[in-house]
Amino acid sequence: MKRIASALYFAVLLTGSQLTFAGESHGAADASKGQISQTIELQATVSAIDQQTRMVTLKGGDGKEFTFYVDERARNLPQVKVGDVVRVAYVVALAWKLNKSHKQVPSPEVETEASRANPGAKPSGAVARRMSITASIEAIDLAHGTVTLKDPEGNSRTIKARNPSNLKKVKVGDLVDITYTESVALKIEPAPK
């Protein structure tokens, strides 16, 4: 998850907008479908910036520093100054529906959306990616409350059912829809006075 968060974080730096994410973790009333989510919010301060090489160093609340290159697509880098505060919100959500899928075969779908700040403004942005797959039920173990799913690439994984009684509603060969969403938002605020 750390590697994905870093990749999305860099993607936001490259595209730069001002979105706020709020997260919560919950399950649905119908246990055959549901969603869980988590929000991680981070704050760092720009401790060094080289506009010529586009290298930026951020210092976290724990004192650790992280230096990275900012691509030219981050069109508002010249507005960033040492002392500016960077706020990042990272949201991960997983949704499932343990019912027969409308699709005929297992398949993946990926959607990506991005937004960025207007030219001349402080860099900010948001990137969201939704990955949906339709997996086939390969095996059901009612005694242990598990189901084995096969993804579109042919990889199998056995998972424990949140509500094992729902395994009686499906059979081997049925298709299941699973959606994974991750999003990150970044906003740079002027240095406190």
Foldseek 3Di string as FASTA:
>chain_A
DVVVVVVQVLVCLLQFDDDDDDADADFDPPLQKGKGKDKDKFKWFFADADPVQQWTWTAGPVRDIDIDHRDVSNVQVVVDDGQKMKMKMKMKMKIWHNAFDPDDDKDKDKDKDKHWDDHPDFGKMKIKMKMKIKWFFADADLVQQWTWTAHPVGDIDIDHRPDSVCVVNDDGGGIIMMMMMMMMIMDIGDHDD
